[in-house]
Amino acid sequence: DGLGDLDQCNGRFGVTPEFPDGIYYYVVTDDFPFFTRCLKGDV
């Protein structure tokens, strides 16, 4: 699983300056798993 608020893909839903209504985004961390472990989305 992810770290803290991060999901299994190392991502989370949150507010950013560019998306004040919120958006799902991936997070790079200093500790394992470091970067995206999978991708989420609709095809």
Protein backbone atom coordinates (compact mmCIF):
# COMPACT_ATOMS: atom_id res chain seq x y z
CA ASP A 1 0.00 0.00 0.00
CA GLY A 2 0.93 3.64 -0.20
CA LEU A 3 2.46 5.77 2.51
CA GLY A 4 0.20 7.80 4.83
CA ASP A 5 -2.54 9.43 2.74
CA LEU A 6 -1.17 7.92 -0.47
CA ASP A 7 -2.96 5.05 -2.18
CA GLN A 8 -1.44 1.89 -3.66
CA CYS A 9 -0.30 3.88 -6.74
CA ASN A 10 1.47 6.51 -4.58
CA GLY A 11 -1.23 9.05 -5.46
CA ARG A 12 -3.93 11.01 -3.70
CA PHE A 13 -6.79 13.43 -4.33
CA GLY A 14 -6.08 16.97 -3.19
CA VAL A 15 -6.18 20.68 -3.94
CA THR A 16 -3.34 22.35 -5.86
CA PRO A 17 -2.85 25.98 -6.98
CA GLU A 18 -3.70 24.95 -10.55
CA PHE A 19 -6.75 22.87 -9.52
CA PRO A 20 -8.47 24.59 -6.57
CA ASP A 21 -11.45 22.19 -6.85
CA GLY A 22 -9.12 19.23 -6.38
CA ILE A 23 -7.44 16.65 -8.61
CA TYR A 24 -5.89 13.20 -8.32
CA TYR A 25 -2.09 13.38 -8.49
CA TYR A 26 0.94 11.13 -8.00
CA VAL A 27 3.57 11.88 -5.35
CA VAL A 28 7.34 11.26 -5.39
CA THR A 29 8.63 10.31 -1.91
CA ASP A 30 12.08 10.16 -0.26
CA ASP A 31 11.45 6.59 0.91
CA PHE A 32 10.24 3.43 -0.83
CA PRO A 33 8.24 3.22 -3.09
CA PHE A 34 9.76 6.57 -4.24
CA PHE A 35 7.54 7.03 -7.32
CA THR A 36 4.37 5.82 -9.04
CA ARG A 37 3.86 2.06 -8.70
CA CYS A 38 0.83 1.88 -11.00
CA LEU A 39 -1.50 4.18 -12.91
CA LYS A 40 -5.16 4.96 -12.30
CA GLY A 41 -7.70 6.20 -14.76
CA ASP A 42 -10.52 5.43 -17.14
CA VAL A 43 -9.99 4.24 -20.69
